[in-house]
Amino acid sequence: MIRLRPEAVDALLVEAMHHHVHVHVVDGGYDRETAYDAFAASFDLPEHFGRNLDALYDSLIEVATRHHGAWTLLWRPTPGSDVLEDQALLGVLGDLEHDAEQLTVAVEIARAG
């Protein structure tokens, strides 16, 4: 999992555009519950999404296995939040990247609010 400062996020997006690599951006999340909201909305997760770490992993790995070609999941948590201290949530994203072929997970670590 890559942790990026805002200027590196901009560079990642430009690079992806030039090389036709899909980047799926998930915006928001200031705690675990609102992070679930952000991922559910961004990936249009089903109503039965369980709103726990196992359900998040299961839902995202399903998305990843349906995806063809290299792609990046870019999560941009809410500025000023402490959600990046949630090691269990970050662990799920790291596991996802490890288990899903052709997926890179990037997390923006700070940006102005």
PDB file of N, CA and C in Angstrom:
ATOM      1  N   MET A   1       0.851  -1.164   0.000  1.00  0.00           N
ATOM      2  CA  MET A   1       0.000   0.000   0.000  1.00  0.00           C
ATOM      3  C   MET A   1       0.899   1.230   0.000  1.00  0.00           C
ATOM      4  N   ILE A   2       0.553   2.150  -0.858  1.00  0.00           N
ATOM      5  CA  ILE A   2       1.311   3.386  -1.001  1.00  0.00           C
ATOM      6  C   ILE A   2       0.620   4.485  -0.203  1.00  0.00           C
ATOM      7  N   ARG A   3       1.377   5.226   0.574  1.00  0.00           N
ATOM      8  CA  ARG A   3       0.850   6.391   1.286  1.00  0.00           C
ATOM      9  C   ARG A   3       1.402   7.626   0.589  1.00  0.00           C
ATOM     10  N   LEU A   4       0.494   8.491   0.151  1.00  0.00           N
ATOM     11  CA  LEU A   4       0.881   9.624  -0.687  1.00  0.00           C
ATOM     12  C   LEU A   4       0.476  10.961  -0.081  1.00  0.00           C
ATOM     13  N   ARG A   5       1.321  11.931  -0.255  1.00  0.00           N
ATOM     14  CA  ARG A   5       0.973  13.316   0.069  1.00  0.00           C
ATOM     15  C   ARG A   5       0.170  13.864  -1.117  1.00  0.00           C
ATOM     16  N   PRO A   6      -0.574  14.937  -0.910  1.00  0.00           N
ATOM     17  CA  PRO A   6      -1.452  15.457  -1.977  1.00  0.00           C
ATOM     18  C   PRO A   6      -0.748  15.707  -3.313  1.00  0.00           C
ATOM     19  N   GLU A   7       0.468  16.247  -3.283  1.00  0.00           N
ATOM     20  CA  GLU A   7       1.161  16.514  -4.549  1.00  0.00           C
ATOM     21  C   GLU A   7       1.496  15.215  -5.281  1.00  0.00           C
ATOM     22  N   ALA A   8       1.748  14.153  -4.539  1.00  0.00           N
ATOM     23  CA  ALA A   8       2.006  12.858  -5.163  1.00  0.00           C
ATOM     24  C   ALA A   8       0.720  12.258  -5.731  1.00  0.00           C
ATOM     25  N   VAL A   9      -0.406  12.541  -5.088  1.00  0.00           N
ATOM     26  CA  VAL A   9      -1.699  12.086  -5.623  1.00  0.00           C
ATOM     27  C   VAL A   9      -1.933  12.714  -6.987  1.00  0.00           C
ATOM     28  N   ASP A  10      -1.673  14.007  -7.103  1.00  0.00           N
ATOM     29  CA  ASP A  10      -1.825  14.677  -8.392  1.00  0.00           C
ATOM     30  C   ASP A  10      -0.945  14.024  -9.450  1.00  0.00           C
ATOM     31  N   ALA A  11       0.293  13.721  -9.094  1.00  0.00           N
ATOM     32  CA  ALA A  11       1.209  13.071 -10.035  1.00  0.00           C
ATOM     33  C   ALA A  11       0.712  11.676 -10.419  1.00  0.00           C
ATOM     34  N   LEU A  12       0.191  10.943  -9.440  1.00  0.00           N
ATOM     35  CA  LEU A  12      -0.356   9.610  -9.719  1.00  0.00           C
ATOM     36  C   LEU A  12      -1.497   9.690 -10.713  1.00  0.00           C
ATOM     37  N   LEU A  13      -2.383  10.650 -10.528  1.00  0.00           N
ATOM     38  CA  LEU A  13      -3.526  10.786 -11.425  1.00  0.00           C
ATOM     39  C   LEU A  13      -3.087  11.166 -12.839  1.00  0.00           C
ATOM     40  N   VAL A  14      -2.110  12.042 -12.957  1.00  0.00           N
ATOM     41  CA  VAL A  14      -1.597  12.427 -14.276  1.00  0.00           C
ATOM     42  C   VAL A  14      -0.936  11.223 -14.941  1.00  0.00           C
ATOM     43  N   GLU A  15      -0.116  10.506 -14.197  1.00  0.00           N
ATOM     44  CA  GLU A  15       0.558   9.315 -14.727  1.00  0.00           C
ATOM     45  C   GLU A  15      -0.460   8.285 -15.198  1.00  0.00           C
ATOM     46  N   ALA A  16      -1.480   8.050 -14.405  1.00  0.00           N
ATOM     47  CA  ALA A  16      -2.510   7.077 -14.772  1.00  0.00           C
ATOM     48  C   ALA A  16      -3.233   7.496 -16.045  1.00  0.00           C
ATOM     49  N   MET A  17      -3.516   8.779 -16.150  1.00  0.00           N
ATOM     50  CA  MET A  17      -4.203   9.270 -17.336  1.00  0.00           C
ATOM     51  C   MET A  17      -3.353   9.060 -18.589  1.00  0.00           C
ATOM     52  N   HIS A  18      -2.063   9.328 -18.483  1.00  0.00           N
ATOM     53  CA  HIS A  18      -1.178   9.176 -19.638  1.00  0.00           C
ATOM     54  C   HIS A  18      -0.986   7.716 -20.045  1.00  0.00           C
ATOM     55  N   HIS A  19      -1.065   6.818 -19.073  1.00  0.00           N
ATOM     56  CA  HIS A  19      -0.842   5.403 -19.359  1.00  0.00           C
ATOM     57  C   HIS A  19      -2.132   4.591 -19.390  1.00  0.00           C
ATOM     58  N   HIS A  20      -3.262   5.291 -19.370  1.00  0.00           N
ATOM     59  CA  HIS A  20      -4.578   4.655 -19.465  1.00  0.00           C
ATOM     60  C   HIS A  20      -4.791   3.591 -18.381  1.00  0.00           C
ATOM     61  N   VAL A  21      -4.356   3.906 -17.174  1.00  0.00           N
ATOM     62  CA  VAL A  21      -4.573   3.034 -16.025  1.00  0.00           C
ATOM     63  C   VAL A  21      -5.777   3.562 -15.264  1.00  0.00           C
ATOM     64  N   HIS A  22      -6.702   2.676 -14.958  1.00  0.00           N
ATOM     65  CA  HIS A  22      -7.905   3.080 -14.248  1.00  0.00           C
ATOM     66  C   HIS A  22      -7.571   3.395 -12.785  1.00  0.00           C
ATOM     67  N   VAL A  23      -8.045   4.534 -12.310  1.00  0.00           N
ATOM     68  CA  VAL A  23      -7.931   4.901 -10.905  1.00  0.00           C
ATOM     69  C   VAL A  23      -9.340   5.108 -10.378  1.00  0.00           C
ATOM     70  N   HIS A  24      -9.671   4.368  -9.338  1.00  0.00           N
ATOM     71  CA  HIS A  24     -10.975   4.519  -8.692  1.00  0.00           C
ATOM     72  C   HIS A  24     -10.743   5.293  -7.400  1.00  0.00           C
ATOM     73  N   VAL A  25     -11.312   6.486  -7.312  1.00  0.00           N
ATOM     74  CA  VAL A  25     -11.103   7.360  -6.167  1.00  0.00           C
ATOM     75  C   VAL A  25     -12.252   7.208  -5.176  1.00  0.00           C
ATOM     76  N   VAL A  26     -11.888   6.990  -3.927  1.00  0.00           N
ATOM     77  CA  VAL A  26     -12.850   6.939  -2.825  1.00  0.00           C
ATOM     78  C   VAL A  26     -12.568   8.162  -1.962  1.00  0.00           C
ATOM     79  N   ASP A  27     -13.522   9.088  -1.936  1.00  0.00           N
ATOM     80  CA  ASP A  27     -13.365  10.314  -1.160  1.00  0.00           C
ATOM     81  C   ASP A  27     -14.130  10.229   0.136  1.00  0.00           C
ATOM     82  N   GLY A  28     -13.458  10.541   1.236  1.00  0.00           N
ATOM     83  CA  GLY A  28     -14.130  10.690   2.516  1.00  0.00           C
ATOM     84  C   GLY A  28     -13.861   9.587   3.506  1.00  0.00           C
ATOM     85  N   GLY A  29     -14.307   9.867   4.712  1.00  0.00           N
ATOM     86  CA  GLY A  29     -14.140   8.964   5.832  1.00  0.00           C
ATOM     87  C   GLY A  29     -13.290   9.610   6.901  1.00  0.00           C
ATOM     88  N   TYR A  30     -13.912   9.959   8.021  1.00  0.00           N
ATOM     89  CA  TYR A  30     -13.140  10.529   9.128  1.00  0.00           C
ATOM     90  C   TYR A  30     -13.046   9.562  10.298  1.00  0.00           C
ATOM     91  N   ASP A  31     -13.768   8.456  10.219  1.00  0.00           N
ATOM     92  CA  ASP A  31     -13.659   7.358  11.170  1.00  0.00           C
ATOM     93  C   ASP A  31     -14.069   6.093  10.416  1.00  0.00           C
ATOM     94  N   ARG A  32     -14.052   4.969  11.089  1.00  0.00           N
ATOM     95  CA  ARG A  32     -14.331   3.707  10.397  1.00  0.00           C
ATOM     96  C   ARG A  32     -15.733   3.694   9.787  1.00  0.00           C
ATOM     97  N   GLU A  33     -16.728   4.159  10.531  1.00  0.00           N
ATOM     98  CA  GLU A  33     -18.106   4.125  10.036  1.00  0.00           C
ATOM     99  C   GLU A  33     -18.287   4.990   8.783  1.00  0.00           C
ATOM    100  N   THR A  34     -17.719   6.181   8.790  1.00  0.00           N
ATOM    101  CA  THR A  34     -17.857   7.035   7.609  1.00  0.00           C
ATOM    102  C   THR A  34     -16.970   6.545   6.467  1.00  0.00           C
ATOM    103  N   ALA A  35     -15.897   5.833   6.796  1.00  0.00           N
ATOM    104  CA  ALA A  35     -15.101   5.196   5.736  1.00  0.00           C
ATOM    105  C   ALA A  35     -15.932   4.110   5.057  1.00  0.00           C
ATOM    106  N   TYR A  36     -16.667   3.321   5.859  1.00  0.00           N
ATOM    107  CA  TYR A  36     -17.574   2.334   5.255  1.00  0.00           C
ATOM    108  C   TYR A  36     -18.552   3.030   4.318  1.00  0.00           C
ATOM    109  N   ASP A  37     -19.103   4.164   4.758  1.00  0.00           N
ATOM    110  CA  ASP A  37     -20.033   4.927   3.916  1.00  0.00           C
ATOM    111  C   ASP A  37     -19.371   5.329   2.600  1.00  0.00           C
ATOM    112  N   ALA A  38     -18.135   5.827   2.693  1.00  0.00           N
ATOM    113  CA  ALA A  38     -17.429   6.294   1.501  1.00  0.00           C
ATOM    114  C   ALA A  38     -17.164   5.153   0.519  1.00  0.00           C
ATOM    115  N   PHE A  39     -16.697   4.024   1.023  1.00  0.00           N
ATOM    116  CA  PHE A  39     -16.432   2.878   0.150  1.00  0.00           C
ATOM    117  C   PHE A  39     -17.732   2.334  -0.433  1.00  0.00           C
ATOM    118  N   ALA A  40     -18.773   2.242   0.386  1.00  0.00           N
ATOM    119  CA  ALA A  40     -20.060   1.724  -0.094  1.00  0.00           C
ATOM    120  C   ALA A  40     -20.623   2.599  -1.203  1.00  0.00           C
ATOM    121  N   ALA A  41     -20.546   3.916  -1.019  1.00  0.00           N
ATOM    122  CA  ALA A  41     -21.063   4.831  -2.040  1.00  0.00           C
ATOM    123  C   ALA A  41     -20.210   4.795  -3.301  1.00  0.00           C
ATOM    124  N   SER A  42     -18.915   4.793  -3.136  1.00  0.00           N
ATOM    125  CA  SER A  42     -18.015   4.852  -4.284  1.00  0.00           C
ATOM    126  C   SER A  42     -18.097   3.603  -5.159  1.00  0.00           C
ATOM    127  N   PHE A  43     -18.224   2.444  -4.516  1.00  0.00           N
ATOM    128  CA  PHE A  43     -18.282   1.194  -5.262  1.00  0.00           C
ATOM    129  C   PHE A  43     -19.698   0.670  -5.423  1.00  0.00           C
ATOM    130  N   ASP A  44     -20.679   1.457  -4.999  1.00  0.00           N
ATOM    131  CA  ASP A  44     -22.082   1.059  -5.094  1.00  0.00           C
ATOM    132  C   ASP A  44     -22.289  -0.338  -4.505  1.00  0.00           C
ATOM    133  N   LEU A  45     -21.797  -0.508  -3.268  1.00  0.00           N
ATOM    134  CA  LEU A  45     -21.920  -1.798  -2.597  1.00  0.00           C
ATOM    135  C   LEU A  45     -23.384  -2.073  -2.291  1.00  0.00           C
ATOM    136  N   PRO A  46     -23.768  -3.335  -2.268  1.00  0.00           N
ATOM    137  CA  PRO A  46     -25.184  -3.688  -2.089  1.00  0.00           C
ATOM    138  C   PRO A  46     -25.704  -3.323  -0.692  1.00  0.00           C
ATOM    139  N   GLU A  47     -27.017  -3.258  -0.585  1.00  0.00           N
ATOM    140  CA  GLU A  47     -27.683  -2.948   0.691  1.00  0.00           C
ATOM    141  C   GLU A  47     -27.237  -3.887   1.799  1.00  0.00           C
ATOM    142  N   HIS A  48     -26.955  -5.138   1.463  1.00  0.00           N
ATOM    143  CA  HIS A  48     -26.595  -6.122   2.482  1.00  0.00           C
ATOM    144  C   HIS A  48     -25.128  -6.030   2.919  1.00  0.00           C
ATOM    145  N   PHE A  49     -24.378  -5.019   2.429  1.00  0.00           N
ATOM    146  CA  PHE A  49     -22.995  -4.816   2.874  1.00  0.00           C
ATOM    147  C   PHE A  49     -22.978  -4.746   4.403  1.00  0.00           C
ATOM    148  N   GLY A  50     -22.191  -5.580   5.034  1.00  0.00           N
ATOM    149  CA  GLY A  50     -22.241  -5.781   6.476  1.00  0.00           C
ATOM    150  C   GLY A  50     -21.621  -4.720   7.358  1.00  0.00           C
ATOM    151  N   ARG A  51     -20.947  -3.736   6.793  1.00  0.00           N
ATOM    152  CA  ARG A  51     -20.364  -2.637   7.565  1.00  0.00           C
ATOM    153  C   ARG A  51     -19.445  -3.138   8.679  1.00  0.00           C
ATOM    154  N   ASN A  52     -18.581  -4.061   8.308  1.00  0.00           N
ATOM    155  CA  ASN A  52     -17.511  -4.495   9.195  1.00  0.00           C
ATOM    156  C   ASN A  52     -16.301  -4.791   8.320  1.00  0.00           C
ATOM    157  N   LEU A  53     -15.160  -5.011   8.929  1.00  0.00           N
ATOM    158  CA  LEU A  53     -13.927  -5.167   8.149  1.00  0.00           C
ATOM    159  C   LEU A  53     -13.966  -6.378   7.226  1.00  0.00           C
ATOM    160  N   ASP A  54     -14.513  -7.486   7.698  1.00  0.00           N
ATOM    161  CA  ASP A  54     -14.604  -8.676   6.837  1.00  0.00           C
ATOM    162  C   ASP A  54     -15.500  -8.409   5.631  1.00  0.00           C
ATOM    163  N   ALA A  55     -16.619  -7.761   5.869  1.00  0.00           N
ATOM    164  CA  ALA A  55     -17.544  -7.450   4.771  1.00  0.00           C
ATOM    165  C   ALA A  55     -16.916  -6.471   3.792  1.00  0.00           C
ATOM    166  N   LEU A  56     -16.147  -5.509   4.304  1.00  0.00           N
ATOM    167  CA  LEU A  56     -15.470  -4.564   3.414  1.00  0.00           C
ATOM    168  C   LEU A  56     -14.489  -5.307   2.523  1.00  0.00           C
ATOM    169  N   TYR A  57     -13.670  -6.153   3.118  1.00  0.00           N
ATOM    170  CA  TYR A  57     -12.714  -6.930   2.333  1.00  0.00           C
ATOM    171  C   TYR A  57     -13.445  -7.789   1.293  1.00  0.00           C
ATOM    172  N   ASP A  58     -14.458  -8.531   1.733  1.00  0.00           N
ATOM    173  CA  ASP A  58     -15.185  -9.413   0.814  1.00  0.00           C
ATOM    174  C   ASP A  58     -15.796  -8.634  -0.346  1.00  0.00           C
ATOM    175  N   SER A  59     -16.366  -7.475  -0.054  1.00  0.00           N
ATOM    176  CA  SER A  59     -16.991  -6.662  -1.107  1.00  0.00           C
ATOM    177  C   SER A  59     -15.948  -6.123  -2.075  1.00  0.00           C
ATOM    178  N   LEU A  60     -14.832  -5.646  -1.531  1.00  0.00           N
ATOM    179  CA  LEU A  60     -13.811  -5.057  -2.403  1.00  0.00           C
ATOM    180  C   LEU A  60     -13.047  -6.116  -3.194  1.00  0.00           C
ATOM    181  N   ILE A  61     -12.838  -7.291  -2.621  1.00  0.00           N
ATOM    182  CA  ILE A  61     -12.156  -8.337  -3.392  1.00  0.00           C
ATOM    183  C   ILE A  61     -13.048  -8.809  -4.530  1.00  0.00           C
ATOM    184  N   GLU A  62     -14.353  -8.785  -4.306  1.00  0.00           N
ATOM    185  CA  GLU A  62     -15.284  -9.137  -5.384  1.00  0.00           C
ATOM    186  C   GLU A  62     -15.187  -8.117  -6.520  1.00  0.00           C
ATOM    187  N   VAL A  63     -15.133  -6.845  -6.163  1.00  0.00           N
ATOM    188  CA  VAL A  63     -14.952  -5.791  -7.174  1.00  0.00           C
ATOM    189  C   VAL A  63     -13.633  -6.011  -7.907  1.00  0.00           C
ATOM    190  N   ALA A  64     -12.583  -6.288  -7.165  1.00  0.00           N
ATOM    191  CA  ALA A  64     -11.255  -6.448  -7.755  1.00  0.00           C
ATOM    192  C   ALA A  64     -11.189  -7.627  -8.711  1.00  0.00           C
ATOM    193  N   THR A  65     -11.848  -8.731  -8.366  1.00  0.00           N
ATOM    194  CA  THR A  65     -11.776  -9.902  -9.240  1.00  0.00           C
ATOM    195  C   THR A  65     -12.574  -9.707 -10.529  1.00  0.00           C
ATOM    196  N   ARG A  66     -13.529  -8.799 -10.510  1.00  0.00           N
ATOM    197  CA  ARG A  66     -14.284  -8.509 -11.736  1.00  0.00           C
ATOM    198  C   ARG A  66     -13.556  -7.504 -12.624  1.00  0.00           C
ATOM    199  N   HIS A  67     -12.550  -6.864 -12.092  1.00  0.00           N
ATOM    200  CA  HIS A  67     -11.847  -5.811 -12.823  1.00  0.00           C
ATOM    201  C   HIS A  67     -10.810  -6.428 -13.746  1.00  0.00           C
ATOM    202  N   HIS A  68     -10.717  -5.897 -14.955  1.00  0.00           N
ATOM    203  CA  HIS A  68      -9.736  -6.390 -15.919  1.00  0.00           C
ATOM    204  C   HIS A  68      -8.637  -5.358 -16.093  1.00  0.00           C
ATOM    205  N   GLY A  69      -7.406  -5.795 -16.018  1.00  0.00           N
ATOM    206  CA  GLY A  69      -6.272  -4.910 -16.208  1.00  0.00           C
ATOM    207  C   GLY A  69      -5.836  -4.237 -14.922  1.00  0.00           C
ATOM    208  N   ALA A  70      -4.706  -3.545 -15.031  1.00  0.00           N
ATOM    209  CA  ALA A  70      -4.139  -2.844 -13.877  1.00  0.00           C
ATOM    210  C   ALA A  70      -5.027  -1.675 -13.473  1.00  0.00           C
ATOM    211  N   TRP A  71      -5.148  -1.476 -12.161  1.00  0.00           N
ATOM    212  CA  TRP A  71      -5.924  -0.352 -11.667  1.00  0.00           C
ATOM    213  C   TRP A  71      -5.457   0.020 -10.271  1.00  0.00           C
ATOM    214  N   THR A  72      -5.834   1.216  -9.882  1.00  0.00           N
ATOM    215  CA  THR A  72      -5.465   1.742  -8.574  1.00  0.00           C
ATOM    216  C   THR A  72      -6.708   2.154  -7.824  1.00  0.00           C
ATOM    217  N   LEU A  73      -6.766   1.769  -6.566  1.00  0.00           N
ATOM    218  CA  LEU A  73      -7.788   2.250  -5.653  1.00  0.00           C
ATOM    219  C   LEU A  73      -7.125   3.359  -4.835  1.00  0.00           C
ATOM    220  N   LEU A  74      -7.607   4.569  -5.008  1.00  0.00           N
ATOM    221  CA  LEU A  74      -7.070   5.722  -4.289  1.00  0.00           C
ATOM    222  C   LEU A  74      -8.091   6.167  -3.262  1.00  0.00           C
ATOM    223  N   TRP A  75      -7.729   6.060  -1.987  1.00  0.00           N
ATOM    224  CA  TRP A  75      -8.605   6.514  -0.914  1.00  0.00           C
ATOM    225  C   TRP A  75      -8.107   7.848  -0.393  1.00  0.00           C
ATOM    226  N   ARG A  76      -9.006   8.821  -0.381  1.00  0.00           N
ATOM    227  CA  ARG A  76      -8.697  10.167   0.109  1.00  0.00           C
ATOM    228  C   ARG A  76      -9.579  10.449   1.326  1.00  0.00           C
ATOM    229  N   PRO A  77      -9.120  10.056   2.529  1.00  0.00           N
ATOM    230  CA  PRO A  77      -9.925  10.282   3.733  1.00  0.00           C
ATOM    231  C   PRO A  77     -10.211  11.770   3.954  1.00  0.00           C
ATOM    232  N   THR A  78     -11.208  12.041   4.766  1.00  0.00           N
ATOM    233  CA  THR A  78     -11.569  13.409   5.101  1.00  0.00           C
ATOM    234  C   THR A  78     -10.372  14.113   5.746  1.00  0.00           C
ATOM    235  N   PRO A  79     -10.034  15.314   5.254  1.00  0.00           N
ATOM    236  CA  PRO A  79      -8.902  16.046   5.836  1.00  0.00           C
ATOM    237  C   PRO A  79      -9.103  16.291   7.331  1.00  0.00           C
ATOM    238  N   GLY A  80      -8.019  16.156   8.075  1.00  0.00           N
ATOM    239  CA  GLY A  80      -8.056  16.419   9.501  1.00  0.00           C
ATOM    240  C   GLY A  80      -8.585  15.275  10.338  1.00  0.00           C
ATOM    241  N   SER A  81      -8.941  14.159   9.714  1.00  0.00           N
ATOM    242  CA  SER A  81      -9.488  13.031  10.463  1.00  0.00           C
ATOM    243  C   SER A  81      -8.358  12.176  11.017  1.00  0.00           C
ATOM    244  N   ASP A  82      -8.710  11.301  11.957  1.00  0.00           N
ATOM    245  CA  ASP A  82      -7.713  10.380  12.495  1.00  0.00           C
ATOM    246  C   ASP A  82      -7.927   8.952  12.002  1.00  0.00           C
ATOM    247  N   VAL A  83      -8.703   8.794  10.935  1.00  0.00           N
ATOM    248  CA  VAL A  83      -8.992   7.460  10.407  1.00  0.00           C
ATOM    249  C   VAL A  83      -7.727   6.743   9.938  1.00  0.00           C
ATOM    250  N   LEU A  84      -6.689   7.489   9.598  1.00  0.00           N
ATOM    251  CA  LEU A  84      -5.450   6.850   9.163  1.00  0.00           C
ATOM    252  C   LEU A  84      -4.706   6.194  10.317  1.00  0.00           C
ATOM    253  N   GLU A  85      -5.201   6.372  11.533  1.00  0.00           N
ATOM    254  CA  GLU A  85      -4.645   5.677  12.693  1.00  0.00           C
ATOM    255  C   GLU A  85      -5.301   4.309  12.884  1.00  0.00           C
ATOM    256  N   ASP A  86      -6.336   4.018  12.117  1.00  0.00           N
ATOM    257  CA  ASP A  86      -7.074   2.756  12.239  1.00  0.00           C
ATOM    258  C   ASP A  86      -6.290   1.663  11.507  1.00  0.00           C
ATOM    259  N   GLN A  87      -5.421   0.999  12.239  1.00  0.00           N
ATOM    260  CA  GLN A  87      -4.544  -0.005  11.639  1.00  0.00           C
ATOM    261  C   GLN A  87      -5.321  -1.205  11.085  1.00  0.00           C
ATOM    262  N   ALA A  88      -6.450  -1.527  11.690  1.00  0.00           N
ATOM    263  CA  ALA A  88      -7.245  -2.649  11.184  1.00  0.00           C
ATOM    264  C   ALA A  88      -7.825  -2.323   9.810  1.00  0.00           C
ATOM    265  N   LEU A  89      -8.325  -1.115   9.639  1.00  0.00           N
ATOM    266  CA  LEU A  89      -8.873  -0.693   8.351  1.00  0.00           C
ATOM    267  C   LEU A  89      -7.774  -0.641   7.299  1.00  0.00           C
ATOM    268  N   LEU A  90      -6.637  -0.072   7.655  1.00  0.00           N
ATOM    269  CA  LEU A  90      -5.510  -0.036   6.722  1.00  0.00           C
ATOM    270  C   LEU A  90      -5.026  -1.450   6.408  1.00  0.00           C
ATOM    271  N   GLY A  91      -5.107  -2.337   7.390  1.00  0.00           N
ATOM    272  CA  GLY A  91      -4.721  -3.726   7.168  1.00  0.00           C
ATOM    273  C   GLY A  91      -5.595  -4.409   6.132  1.00  0.00           C
ATOM    274  N   VAL A  92      -6.893  -4.111   6.158  1.00  0.00           N
ATOM    275  CA  VAL A  92      -7.813  -4.668   5.160  1.00  0.00           C
ATOM    276  C   VAL A  92      -7.402  -4.198   3.763  1.00  0.00           C
ATOM    277  N   LEU A  93      -7.074  -2.927   3.628  1.00  0.00           N
ATOM    278  CA  LEU A  93      -6.661  -2.408   2.318  1.00  0.00           C
ATOM    279  C   LEU A  93      -5.338  -3.021   1.876  1.00  0.00           C
ATOM    280  N   GLY A  94      -4.422  -3.227   2.819  1.00  0.00           N
ATOM    281  CA  GLY A  94      -3.159  -3.893   2.497  1.00  0.00           C
ATOM    282  C   GLY A  94      -3.377  -5.338   2.063  1.00  0.00           C
ATOM    283  N   ASP A  95      -4.259  -6.045   2.775  1.00  0.00           N
ATOM    284  CA  ASP A  95      -4.586  -7.421   2.393  1.00  0.00           C
ATOM    285  C   ASP A  95      -5.225  -7.466   1.009  1.00  0.00           C
ATOM    286  N   LEU A  96      -6.088  -6.515   0.754  1.00  0.00           N
ATOM    287  CA  LEU A  96      -6.747  -6.440  -0.549  1.00  0.00           C
ATOM    288  C   LEU A  96      -5.717  -6.296  -1.661  1.00  0.00           C
ATOM    289  N   GLU A  97      -4.785  -5.379  -1.463  1.00  0.00           N
ATOM    290  CA  GLU A  97      -3.747  -5.178  -2.470  1.00  0.00           C
ATOM    291  C   GLU A  97      -2.912  -6.444  -2.657  1.00  0.00           C
ATOM    292  N   HIS A  98      -2.603  -7.113  -1.576  1.00  0.00           N
ATOM    293  CA  HIS A  98      -1.808  -8.341  -1.645  1.00  0.00           C
ATOM    294  C   HIS A  98      -2.539  -9.450  -2.402  1.00  0.00           C
ATOM    295  N   ASP A  99      -3.839  -9.554  -2.162  1.00  0.00           N
ATOM    296  CA  ASP A  99      -4.614 -10.670  -2.700  1.00  0.00           C
ATOM    297  C   ASP A  99      -5.181 -10.441  -4.100  1.00  0.00           C
ATOM    298  N   ALA A 100      -5.326  -9.204  -4.498  1.00  0.00           N
ATOM    299  CA  ALA A 100      -5.937  -8.897  -5.803  1.00  0.00           C
ATOM    300  C   ALA A 100      -4.846  -8.607  -6.832  1.00  0.00           C
ATOM    301  N   GLU A 101      -4.846  -9.386  -7.877  1.00  0.00           N
ATOM    302  CA  GLU A 101      -3.870  -9.172  -8.946  1.00  0.00           C
ATOM    303  C   GLU A 101      -4.131  -7.837  -9.634  1.00  0.00           C
ATOM    304  N   GLN A 102      -3.085  -7.175 -10.010  1.00  0.00           N
ATOM    305  CA  GLN A 102      -3.121  -5.944 -10.797  1.00  0.00           C
ATOM    306  C   GLN A 102      -3.744  -4.760 -10.066  1.00  0.00           C
ATOM    307  N   LEU A 103      -3.857  -4.843  -8.737  1.00  0.00           N
ATOM    308  CA  LEU A 103      -4.407  -3.742  -7.957  1.00  0.00           C
ATOM    309  C   LEU A 103      -3.311  -3.095  -7.125  1.00  0.00           C
ATOM    310  N   THR A 104      -3.279  -1.773  -7.171  1.00  0.00           N
ATOM    311  CA  THR A 104      -2.446  -0.986  -6.279  1.00  0.00           C
ATOM    312  C   THR A 104      -3.377  -0.162  -5.413  1.00  0.00           C
ATOM    313  N   VAL A 105      -3.141  -0.168  -4.115  1.00  0.00           N
ATOM    314  CA  VAL A 105      -3.916   0.656  -3.190  1.00  0.00           C
ATOM    315  C   VAL A 105      -3.051   1.826  -2.776  1.00  0.00           C
ATOM    316  N   ALA A 106      -3.600   3.023  -2.915  1.00  0.00           N
ATOM    317  CA  ALA A 106      -2.912   4.246  -2.504  1.00  0.00           C
ATOM    318  C   ALA A 106      -3.822   5.009  -1.545  1.00  0.00           C
ATOM    319  N   VAL A 107      -3.227   5.571  -0.510  1.00  0.00           N
ATOM    320  CA  VAL A 107      -3.961   6.321   0.495  1.00  0.00           C
ATOM    321  C   VAL A 107      -3.312   7.691   0.619  1.00  0.00           C
ATOM    322  N   GLU A 108      -4.143   8.722   0.479  1.00  0.00           N
ATOM    323  CA  GLU A 108      -3.641  10.084   0.672  1.00  0.00           C
ATOM    324  C   GLU A 108      -3.505  10.327   2.172  1.00  0.00           C
ATOM    325  N   ILE A 109      -2.330  10.744   2.615  1.00  0.00           N
ATOM    326  CA  ILE A 109      -2.078  10.842   4.050  1.00  0.00           C
ATOM    327  C   ILE A 109      -2.391  12.201   4.635  1.00  0.00           C
ATOM    328  N   ALA A 110      -2.477  13.238   3.846  1.00  0.00           N
ATOM    329  CA  ALA A 110      -2.808  14.561   4.391  1.00  0.00           C
ATOM    330  C   ALA A 110      -3.150  15.497   3.250  1.00  0.00           C
ATOM    331  N   ARG A 111      -4.096  16.374   3.526  1.00  0.00           N
ATOM    332  CA  ARG A 111      -4.369  17.463   2.613  1.00  0.00           C
ATOM    333  C   ARG A 111      -5.095  18.544   3.403  1.00  0.00           C
ATOM    334  N   ALA A 112      -5.080  19.717   2.888  1.00  0.00           N
ATOM    335  CA  ALA A 112      -5.707  20.834   3.594  1.00  0.00           C
ATOM    336  C   ALA A 112      -7.205  20.632   3.690  1.00  0.00           C
ATOM    337  N   GLY A 113      -7.778  21.038   4.806  1.00  0.00           N
ATOM    338  CA  GLY A 113      -9.217  20.905   5.006  1.00  0.00           C
ATOM    339  C   GLY A 113     -10.001  22.022   4.417  1.00  0.00           C
TER     340      GLY A 113
END
